[in-house]
Amino acid sequence: MTLDDVVTIMRSAFFTIIELASPVLLVSLIVGLIISIFQTVTSIQEQTLTFVPKILSIFLALMILGHWMLSNIREYITTLWANFSQYIH
C-alpha cells in the first residue's frame, strides 16, 4: 500500500463523511436560525428553547434521509472492500 493509496482512501472517506453529515447539519442550522429569529421577535431569551425543536428536526431528518445515508455508507464500504486486493502488495 502506497502513500497515494492511503491519501485516496482518506480523501474518499472524508468526502463521504461530509456528504452524509451536511443535510442533517443544514436542517439543524435552519431550525436554529428560525427559532433564533422567533426569540428575537418575541423577546424570549430562553436558551433551552432551541434544544427540543432541533433534536426533533434532526430525528426527522435522520428518519427521512436514513436510507440514503446507509446506502452511501454501504456503497463506500463495498468499493473499499472490492479494491482491497490492490492495497495488499
PDB file of N, CA and C in Angstrom:
ATOM      1  N   MET A   1       0.855  -1.166   0.000  1.00  0.00           N
ATOM      2  CA  MET A   1       0.000   0.000   0.000  1.00  0.00           C
ATOM      3  C   MET A   1       0.904   1.234   0.000  1.00  0.00           C
ATOM      4  N   THR A   2       0.667   2.088  -0.954  1.00  0.00           N
ATOM      5  CA  THR A   2       1.487   3.287  -1.071  1.00  0.00           C
ATOM      6  C   THR A   2       0.825   4.456  -0.352  1.00  0.00           C
ATOM      7  N   LEU A   3       1.571   5.519  -0.253  1.00  0.00           N
ATOM      8  CA  LEU A   3       1.043   6.731   0.369  1.00  0.00           C
ATOM      9  C   LEU A   3      -0.114   7.298  -0.442  1.00  0.00           C
ATOM     10  N   ASP A   4      -0.037   7.179  -1.756  1.00  0.00           N
ATOM     11  CA  ASP A   4      -1.131   7.656  -2.603  1.00  0.00           C
ATOM     12  C   ASP A   4      -2.424   6.876  -2.352  1.00  0.00           C
ATOM     13  N   ASP A   5      -2.298   5.587  -2.102  1.00  0.00           N
ATOM     14  CA  ASP A   5      -3.477   4.777  -1.789  1.00  0.00           C
ATOM     15  C   ASP A   5      -4.129   5.248  -0.493  1.00  0.00           C
ATOM     16  N   VAL A   6      -3.314   5.499   0.501  1.00  0.00           N
ATOM     17  CA  VAL A   6      -3.828   5.958   1.789  1.00  0.00           C
ATOM     18  C   VAL A   6      -4.516   7.316   1.641  1.00  0.00           C
ATOM     19  N   VAL A   7      -3.880   8.210   0.902  1.00  0.00           N
ATOM     20  CA  VAL A   7      -4.461   9.544   0.690  1.00  0.00           C
ATOM     21  C   VAL A   7      -5.785   9.438  -0.066  1.00  0.00           C
ATOM     22  N   THR A   8      -5.845   8.566  -1.053  1.00  0.00           N
ATOM     23  CA  THR A   8      -7.086   8.377  -1.809  1.00  0.00           C
ATOM     24  C   THR A   8      -8.194   7.821  -0.926  1.00  0.00           C
ATOM     25  N   ILE A   9      -7.874   6.847  -0.106  1.00  0.00           N
ATOM     26  CA  ILE A   9      -8.873   6.273   0.806  1.00  0.00           C
ATOM     27  C   ILE A   9      -9.356   7.328   1.803  1.00  0.00           C
ATOM     28  N   MET A  10      -8.434   8.080   2.375  1.00  0.00           N
ATOM     29  CA  MET A  10      -8.809   9.099   3.356  1.00  0.00           C
ATOM     30  C   MET A  10      -9.628  10.217   2.715  1.00  0.00           C
ATOM     31  N   ARG A  11      -9.241  10.625   1.514  1.00  0.00           N
ATOM     32  CA  ARG A  11      -9.997  11.665   0.816  1.00  0.00           C
ATOM     33  C   ARG A  11     -11.424  11.196   0.553  1.00  0.00           C
ATOM     34  N   SER A  12     -11.555   9.976   0.108  1.00  0.00           N
ATOM     35  CA  SER A  12     -12.875   9.414  -0.160  1.00  0.00           C
ATOM     36  C   SER A  12     -13.693   9.294   1.127  1.00  0.00           C
ATOM     37  N   ALA A  13     -13.040   8.892   2.213  1.00  0.00           N
ATOM     38  CA  ALA A  13     -13.739   8.764   3.499  1.00  0.00           C
ATOM     39  C   ALA A  13     -14.203  10.129   4.003  1.00  0.00           C
ATOM     40  N   PHE A  14     -13.339  11.131   3.930  1.00  0.00           N
ATOM     41  CA  PHE A  14     -13.731  12.469   4.380  1.00  0.00           C
ATOM     42  C   PHE A  14     -14.847  13.045   3.527  1.00  0.00           C
ATOM     43  N   PHE A  15     -14.775  12.827   2.217  1.00  0.00           N
ATOM     44  CA  PHE A  15     -15.845  13.310   1.346  1.00  0.00           C
ATOM     45  C   PHE A  15     -17.167  12.633   1.685  1.00  0.00           C
ATOM     46  N   THR A  16     -17.118  11.337   1.950  1.00  0.00           N
ATOM     47  CA  THR A  16     -18.334  10.611   2.312  1.00  0.00           C
ATOM     48  C   THR A  16     -18.899  11.123   3.630  1.00  0.00           C
ATOM     49  N   ILE A  17     -18.046  11.374   4.603  1.00  0.00           N
ATOM     50  CA  ILE A  17     -18.496  11.892   5.898  1.00  0.00           C
ATOM     51  C   ILE A  17     -19.150  13.246   5.736  1.00  0.00           C
ATOM     52  N   ILE A  18     -18.524  14.132   4.975  1.00  0.00           N
ATOM     53  CA  ILE A  18     -19.087  15.469   4.762  1.00  0.00           C
ATOM     54  C   ILE A  18     -20.395  15.387   3.995  1.00  0.00           C
ATOM     55  N   GLU A  19     -20.440  14.523   2.996  1.00  0.00           N
ATOM     56  CA  GLU A  19     -21.649  14.363   2.197  1.00  0.00           C
ATOM     57  C   GLU A  19     -22.815  13.854   3.045  1.00  0.00           C
ATOM     58  N   LEU A  20     -22.544  12.957   3.972  1.00  0.00           N
ATOM     59  CA  LEU A  20     -23.605  12.382   4.790  1.00  0.00           C
ATOM     60  C   LEU A  20     -24.029  13.302   5.931  1.00  0.00           C
ATOM     61  N   ALA A  21     -23.093  14.062   6.473  1.00  0.00           N
ATOM     62  CA  ALA A  21     -23.408  14.922   7.613  1.00  0.00           C
ATOM     63  C   ALA A  21     -24.040  16.248   7.200  1.00  0.00           C
ATOM     64  N   SER A  22     -23.781  16.706   6.005  1.00  0.00           N
ATOM     65  CA  SER A  22     -24.238  18.032   5.582  1.00  0.00           C
ATOM     66  C   SER A  22     -25.753  18.236   5.650  1.00  0.00           C
ATOM     67  N   PRO A  23     -26.575  17.323   5.122  1.00  0.00           N
ATOM     68  CA  PRO A  23     -28.020  17.573   5.186  1.00  0.00           C
ATOM     69  C   PRO A  23     -28.553  17.700   6.615  1.00  0.00           C
ATOM     70  N   VAL A  24     -28.074  16.860   7.509  1.00  0.00           N
ATOM     71  CA  VAL A  24     -28.547  16.912   8.898  1.00  0.00           C
ATOM     72  C   VAL A  24     -28.072  18.200   9.571  1.00  0.00           C
ATOM     73  N   LEU A  25     -26.839  18.588   9.316  1.00  0.00           N
ATOM     74  CA  LEU A  25     -26.333  19.836   9.886  1.00  0.00           C
ATOM     75  C   LEU A  25     -27.064  21.044   9.325  1.00  0.00           C
ATOM     76  N   LEU A  26     -27.407  21.012   8.040  1.00  0.00           N
ATOM     77  CA  LEU A  26     -28.162  22.123   7.457  1.00  0.00           C
ATOM     78  C   LEU A  26     -29.561  22.233   8.058  1.00  0.00           C
ATOM     79  N   VAL A  27     -30.200  21.095   8.284  1.00  0.00           N
ATOM     80  CA  VAL A  27     -31.520  21.110   8.930  1.00  0.00           C
ATOM     81  C   VAL A  27     -31.409  21.725  10.321  1.00  0.00           C
ATOM     82  N   SER A  28     -30.420  21.325  11.072  1.00  0.00           N
ATOM     83  CA  SER A  28     -30.208  21.863  12.415  1.00  0.00           C
ATOM     84  C   SER A  28     -29.928  23.361  12.368  1.00  0.00           C
ATOM     85  N   LEU A  29     -29.124  23.780  11.400  1.00  0.00           N
ATOM     86  CA  LEU A  29     -28.812  25.199  11.252  1.00  0.00           C
ATOM     87  C   LEU A  29     -30.042  26.014  10.908  1.00  0.00           C
ATOM     88  N   ILE A  30     -30.856  25.534   9.987  1.00  0.00           N
ATOM     89  CA  ILE A  30     -32.054  26.264   9.580  1.00  0.00           C
ATOM     90  C   ILE A  30     -33.056  26.349  10.718  1.00  0.00           C
ATOM     91  N   VAL A  31     -33.284  25.247  11.423  1.00  0.00           N
ATOM     92  CA  VAL A  31     -34.214  25.268  12.559  1.00  0.00           C
ATOM     93  C   VAL A  31     -33.700  26.201  13.652  1.00  0.00           C
ATOM     94  N   GLY A  32     -32.411  26.164  13.932  1.00  0.00           N
ATOM     95  CA  GLY A  32     -31.838  27.065  14.929  1.00  0.00           C
ATOM     96  C   GLY A  32     -31.981  28.521  14.534  1.00  0.00           C
ATOM     97  N   LEU A  33     -31.800  28.816  13.250  1.00  0.00           N
ATOM     98  CA  LEU A  33     -31.949  30.182  12.765  1.00  0.00           C
ATOM     99  C   LEU A  33     -33.391  30.662  12.876  1.00  0.00           C
ATOM    100  N   ILE A  34     -34.327  29.799  12.523  1.00  0.00           N
ATOM    101  CA  ILE A  34     -35.749  30.160  12.629  1.00  0.00           C
ATOM    102  C   ILE A  34     -36.130  30.413  14.081  1.00  0.00           C
ATOM    103  N   ILE A  35     -35.688  29.565  14.982  1.00  0.00           N
ATOM    104  CA  ILE A  35     -36.002  29.742  16.395  1.00  0.00           C
ATOM    105  C   ILE A  35     -35.316  30.984  16.947  1.00  0.00           C
ATOM    106  N   SER A  36     -34.114  31.263  16.486  1.00  0.00           N
ATOM    107  CA  SER A  36     -33.412  32.472  16.923  1.00  0.00           C
ATOM    108  C   SER A  36     -34.149  33.729  16.478  1.00  0.00           C
ATOM    109  N   ILE A  37     -34.653  33.716  15.251  1.00  0.00           N
ATOM    110  CA  ILE A  37     -35.449  34.861  14.780  1.00  0.00           C
ATOM    111  C   ILE A  37     -36.723  34.987  15.595  1.00  0.00           C
ATOM    112  N   PHE A  38     -37.372  33.858  15.891  1.00  0.00           N
ATOM    113  CA  PHE A  38     -38.579  33.876  16.724  1.00  0.00           C
ATOM    114  C   PHE A  38     -38.278  34.437  18.110  1.00  0.00           C
ATOM    115  N   GLN A  39     -37.152  34.048  18.695  1.00  0.00           N
ATOM    116  CA  GLN A  39     -36.778  34.556  20.014  1.00  0.00           C
ATOM    117  C   GLN A  39     -36.501  36.053  19.973  1.00  0.00           C
ATOM    118  N   THR A  40     -35.895  36.525  18.906  1.00  0.00           N
ATOM    119  CA  THR A  40     -35.601  37.947  18.785  1.00  0.00           C
ATOM    120  C   THR A  40     -36.880  38.753  18.638  1.00  0.00           C
ATOM    121  N   VAL A  41     -37.814  38.255  17.831  1.00  0.00           N
ATOM    122  CA  VAL A  41     -39.070  38.970  17.601  1.00  0.00           C
ATOM    123  C   VAL A  41     -39.916  39.016  18.867  1.00  0.00           C
ATOM    124  N   THR A  42     -39.961  37.918  19.612  1.00  0.00           N
ATOM    125  CA  THR A  42     -40.816  37.857  20.794  1.00  0.00           C
ATOM    126  C   THR A  42     -40.102  38.245  22.085  1.00  0.00           C
ATOM    127  N   SER A  43     -38.833  38.553  22.003  1.00  0.00           N
ATOM    128  CA  SER A  43     -38.008  38.920  23.172  1.00  0.00           C
ATOM    129  C   SER A  43     -37.934  37.810  24.219  1.00  0.00           C
ATOM    130  N   ILE A  44     -38.090  36.585  23.789  1.00  0.00           N
ATOM    131  CA  ILE A  44     -37.911  35.436  24.675  1.00  0.00           C
ATOM    132  C   ILE A  44     -36.446  35.033  24.593  1.00  0.00           C
ATOM    133  N   GLN A  45     -35.746  35.097  25.692  1.00  0.00           N
ATOM    134  CA  GLN A  45     -34.323  34.778  25.696  1.00  0.00           C
ATOM    135  C   GLN A  45     -34.050  33.503  26.501  1.00  0.00           C
ATOM    136  N   GLU A  46     -34.773  32.471  26.220  1.00  0.00           N
ATOM    137  CA  GLU A  46     -34.596  31.182  26.879  1.00  0.00           C
ATOM    138  C   GLU A  46     -33.652  30.324  26.041  1.00  0.00           C
ATOM    139  N   GLN A  47     -32.522  29.944  26.612  1.00  0.00           N
ATOM    140  CA  GLN A  47     -31.508  29.206  25.869  1.00  0.00           C
ATOM    141  C   GLN A  47     -31.935  27.772  25.549  1.00  0.00           C
ATOM    142  N   THR A  48     -32.780  27.202  26.376  1.00  0.00           N
ATOM    143  CA  THR A  48     -33.183  25.806  26.158  1.00  0.00           C
ATOM    144  C   THR A  48     -34.316  25.678  25.145  1.00  0.00           C
ATOM    145  N   LEU A  49     -34.859  26.791  24.679  1.00  0.00           N
ATOM    146  CA  LEU A  49     -35.972  26.751  23.736  1.00  0.00           C
ATOM    147  C   LEU A  49     -35.560  26.121  22.403  1.00  0.00           C
ATOM    148  N   THR A  50     -34.318  26.256  22.017  1.00  0.00           N
ATOM    149  CA  THR A  50     -33.877  25.700  20.734  1.00  0.00           C
ATOM    150  C   THR A  50     -33.585  24.202  20.805  1.00  0.00           C
ATOM    151  N   PHE A  51     -33.422  23.674  21.989  1.00  0.00           N
ATOM    152  CA  PHE A  51     -32.975  22.289  22.133  1.00  0.00           C
ATOM    153  C   PHE A  51     -33.977  21.282  21.591  1.00  0.00           C
ATOM    154  N   VAL A  52     -35.220  21.335  22.039  1.00  0.00           N
ATOM    155  CA  VAL A  52     -36.218  20.334  21.653  1.00  0.00           C
ATOM    156  C   VAL A  52     -36.537  20.392  20.156  1.00  0.00           C
ATOM    157  N   PRO A  53     -36.809  21.566  19.573  1.00  0.00           N
ATOM    158  CA  PRO A  53     -37.075  21.572  18.125  1.00  0.00           C
ATOM    159  C   PRO A  53     -35.895  21.093  17.282  1.00  0.00           C
ATOM    160  N   LYS A  54     -34.680  21.418  17.709  1.00  0.00           N
ATOM    161  CA  LYS A  54     -33.521  20.950  16.964  1.00  0.00           C
ATOM    162  C   LYS A  54     -33.398  19.433  17.034  1.00  0.00           C
ATOM    163  N   ILE A  55     -33.574  18.871  18.209  1.00  0.00           N
ATOM    164  CA  ILE A  55     -33.496  17.412  18.359  1.00  0.00           C
ATOM    165  C   ILE A  55     -34.577  16.734  17.524  1.00  0.00           C
ATOM    166  N   LEU A  56     -35.792  17.266  17.565  1.00  0.00           N
ATOM    167  CA  LEU A  56     -36.878  16.675  16.781  1.00  0.00           C
ATOM    168  C   LEU A  56     -36.619  16.794  15.284  1.00  0.00           C
ATOM    169  N   SER A  57     -36.097  17.936  14.847  1.00  0.00           N
ATOM    170  CA  SER A  57     -35.826  18.105  13.417  1.00  0.00           C
ATOM    171  C   SER A  57     -34.680  17.205  12.953  1.00  0.00           C
ATOM    172  N   ILE A  58     -33.674  17.033  13.790  1.00  0.00           N
ATOM    173  CA  ILE A  58     -32.580  16.128  13.442  1.00  0.00           C
ATOM    174  C   ILE A  58     -33.081  14.689  13.377  1.00  0.00           C
ATOM    175  N   PHE A  59     -33.923  14.306  14.325  1.00  0.00           N
ATOM    176  CA  PHE A  59     -34.505  12.970  14.328  1.00  0.00           C
ATOM    177  C   PHE A  59     -35.335  12.746  13.070  1.00  0.00           C
ATOM    178  N   LEU A  60     -36.147  13.734  12.697  1.00  0.00           N
ATOM    179  CA  LEU A  60     -36.963  13.632  11.490  1.00  0.00           C
ATOM    180  C   LEU A  60     -36.081  13.555  10.239  1.00  0.00           C
ATOM    181  N   ALA A  61     -35.031  14.370  10.192  1.00  0.00           N
ATOM    182  CA  ALA A  61     -34.117  14.331   9.042  1.00  0.00           C
ATOM    183  C   ALA A  61     -33.431  12.969   8.938  1.00  0.00           C
ATOM    184  N   LEU A  62     -33.040  12.398  10.072  1.00  0.00           N
ATOM    185  CA  LEU A  62     -32.416  11.081  10.044  1.00  0.00           C
ATOM    186  C   LEU A  62     -33.397  10.002   9.602  1.00  0.00           C
ATOM    187  N   MET A  63     -34.660  10.151   9.988  1.00  0.00           N
ATOM    188  CA  MET A  63     -35.670   9.184   9.550  1.00  0.00           C
ATOM    189  C   MET A  63     -35.888   9.274   8.042  1.00  0.00           C
ATOM    190  N   ILE A  64     -35.915  10.496   7.523  1.00  0.00           N
ATOM    191  CA  ILE A  64     -36.160  10.688   6.092  1.00  0.00           C
ATOM    192  C   ILE A  64     -34.930  10.305   5.266  1.00  0.00           C
ATOM    193  N   LEU A  65     -33.755  10.718   5.730  1.00  0.00           N
ATOM    194  CA  LEU A  65     -32.531  10.514   4.955  1.00  0.00           C
ATOM    195  C   LEU A  65     -31.768   9.250   5.329  1.00  0.00           C
ATOM    196  N   GLY A  66     -32.271   8.487   6.290  1.00  0.00           N
ATOM    197  CA  GLY A  66     -31.545   7.317   6.780  1.00  0.00           C
ATOM    198  C   GLY A  66     -31.234   6.295   5.706  1.00  0.00           C
ATOM    199  N   HIS A  67     -32.195   6.002   4.863  1.00  0.00           N
ATOM    200  CA  HIS A  67     -31.978   5.012   3.812  1.00  0.00           C
ATOM    201  C   HIS A  67     -30.895   5.481   2.847  1.00  0.00           C
ATOM    202  N   TRP A  68     -30.943   6.746   2.464  1.00  0.00           N
ATOM    203  CA  TRP A  68     -29.932   7.308   1.572  1.00  0.00           C
ATOM    204  C   TRP A  68     -28.551   7.283   2.223  1.00  0.00           C
ATOM    205  N   MET A  69     -28.498   7.622   3.501  1.00  0.00           N
ATOM    206  CA  MET A  69     -27.219   7.633   4.208  1.00  0.00           C
ATOM    207  C   MET A  69     -26.628   6.231   4.302  1.00  0.00           C
ATOM    208  N   LEU A  70     -27.460   5.263   4.654  1.00  0.00           N
ATOM    209  CA  LEU A  70     -26.968   3.883   4.768  1.00  0.00           C
ATOM    210  C   LEU A  70     -26.546   3.310   3.421  1.00  0.00           C
ATOM    211  N   SER A  71     -27.261   3.665   2.360  1.00  0.00           N
ATOM    212  CA  SER A  71     -26.860   3.160   1.048  1.00  0.00           C
ATOM    213  C   SER A  71     -25.538   3.781   0.605  1.00  0.00           C
ATOM    214  N   ASN A  72     -25.294   5.054   0.951  1.00  0.00           N
ATOM    215  CA  ASN A  72     -23.999   5.670   0.632  1.00  0.00           C
ATOM    216  C   ASN A  72     -22.865   5.031   1.426  1.00  0.00           C
ATOM    217  N   ILE A  73     -23.106   4.738   2.693  1.00  0.00           N
ATOM    218  CA  ILE A  73     -22.086   4.068   3.504  1.00  0.00           C
ATOM    219  C   ILE A  73     -21.817   2.674   2.957  1.00  0.00           C
ATOM    220  N   ARG A  74     -22.880   1.959   2.601  1.00  0.00           N
ATOM    221  CA  ARG A  74     -22.723   0.616   2.047  1.00  0.00           C
ATOM    222  C   ARG A  74     -21.942   0.660   0.728  1.00  0.00           C
ATOM    223  N   GLU A  75     -22.228   1.650  -0.104  1.00  0.00           N
ATOM    224  CA  GLU A  75     -21.513   1.793  -1.377  1.00  0.00           C
ATOM    225  C   GLU A  75     -20.031   2.089  -1.141  1.00  0.00           C
ATOM    226  N   TYR A  76     -19.728   2.934  -0.169  1.00  0.00           N
ATOM    227  CA  TYR A  76     -18.331   3.248   0.139  1.00  0.00           C
ATOM    228  C   TYR A  76     -17.588   2.005   0.639  1.00  0.00           C
ATOM    229  N   ILE A  77     -18.206   1.286   1.561  1.00  0.00           N
ATOM    230  CA  ILE A  77     -17.572   0.083   2.122  1.00  0.00           C
ATOM    231  C   ILE A  77     -17.408  -0.983   1.044  1.00  0.00           C
ATOM    232  N   THR A  78     -18.420  -1.148   0.190  1.00  0.00           N
ATOM    233  CA  THR A  78     -18.329  -2.134  -0.893  1.00  0.00           C
ATOM    234  C   THR A  78     -17.193  -1.795  -1.835  1.00  0.00           C
ATOM    235  N   THR A  79     -17.065  -0.525  -2.185  1.00  0.00           N
ATOM    236  CA  THR A  79     -15.970  -0.094  -3.052  1.00  0.00           C
ATOM    237  C   THR A  79     -14.624  -0.312  -2.374  1.00  0.00           C
ATOM    238  N   LEU A  80     -14.557  -0.003  -1.101  1.00  0.00           N
ATOM    239  CA  LEU A  80     -13.305  -0.175  -0.364  1.00  0.00           C
ATOM    240  C   LEU A  80     -12.891  -1.643  -0.321  1.00  0.00           C
ATOM    241  N   TRP A  81     -13.842  -2.529  -0.025  1.00  0.00           N
ATOM    242  CA  TRP A  81     -13.520  -3.948   0.043  1.00  0.00           C
ATOM    243  C   TRP A  81     -13.291  -4.561  -1.332  1.00  0.00           C
ATOM    244  N   ALA A  82     -13.950  -4.021  -2.354  1.00  0.00           N
ATOM    245  CA  ALA A  82     -13.734  -4.541  -3.713  1.00  0.00           C
ATOM    246  C   ALA A  82     -12.328  -4.258  -4.191  1.00  0.00           C
ATOM    247  N   ASN A  83     -11.754  -3.142  -3.756  1.00  0.00           N
ATOM    248  CA  ASN A  83     -10.398  -2.771  -4.153  1.00  0.00           C
ATOM    249  C   ASN A  83      -9.353  -3.208  -3.144  1.00  0.00           C
ATOM    250  N   PHE A  84      -9.742  -4.041  -2.197  1.00  0.00           N
ATOM    251  CA  PHE A  84      -8.836  -4.450  -1.131  1.00  0.00           C
ATOM    252  C   PHE A  84      -7.597  -5.171  -1.650  1.00  0.00           C
ATOM    253  N   SER A  85      -7.763  -5.962  -2.691  1.00  0.00           N
ATOM    254  CA  SER A  85      -6.620  -6.711  -3.209  1.00  0.00           C
ATOM    255  C   SER A  85      -5.565  -5.799  -3.825  1.00  0.00           C
ATOM    256  N   GLN A  86      -5.955  -4.609  -4.252  1.00  0.00           N
ATOM    257  CA  GLN A  86      -5.000  -3.663  -4.823  1.00  0.00           C
ATOM    258  C   GLN A  86      -4.116  -3.040  -3.732  1.00  0.00           C
ATOM    259  N   TYR A  87      -4.627  -3.004  -2.512  1.00  0.00           N
ATOM    260  CA  TYR A  87      -3.887  -2.348  -1.426  1.00  0.00           C
ATOM    261  C   TYR A  87      -2.843  -3.254  -0.772  1.00  0.00           C
ATOM    262  N   ILE A  88      -2.985  -4.558  -0.982  1.00  0.00           N
ATOM    263  CA  ILE A  88      -2.047  -5.512  -0.383  1.00  0.00           C
ATOM    264  C   ILE A  88      -0.996  -5.877  -1.428  1.00  0.00           C
ATOM    265  N   HIS A  89       0.244  -5.670  -1.093  1.00  0.00           N
ATOM    266  CA  HIS A  89       1.332  -5.986  -2.040  1.00  0.00           C
ATOM    267  C   HIS A  89       2.232  -7.035  -1.450  1.00  0.00           C
TER     268      HIS A  89
END
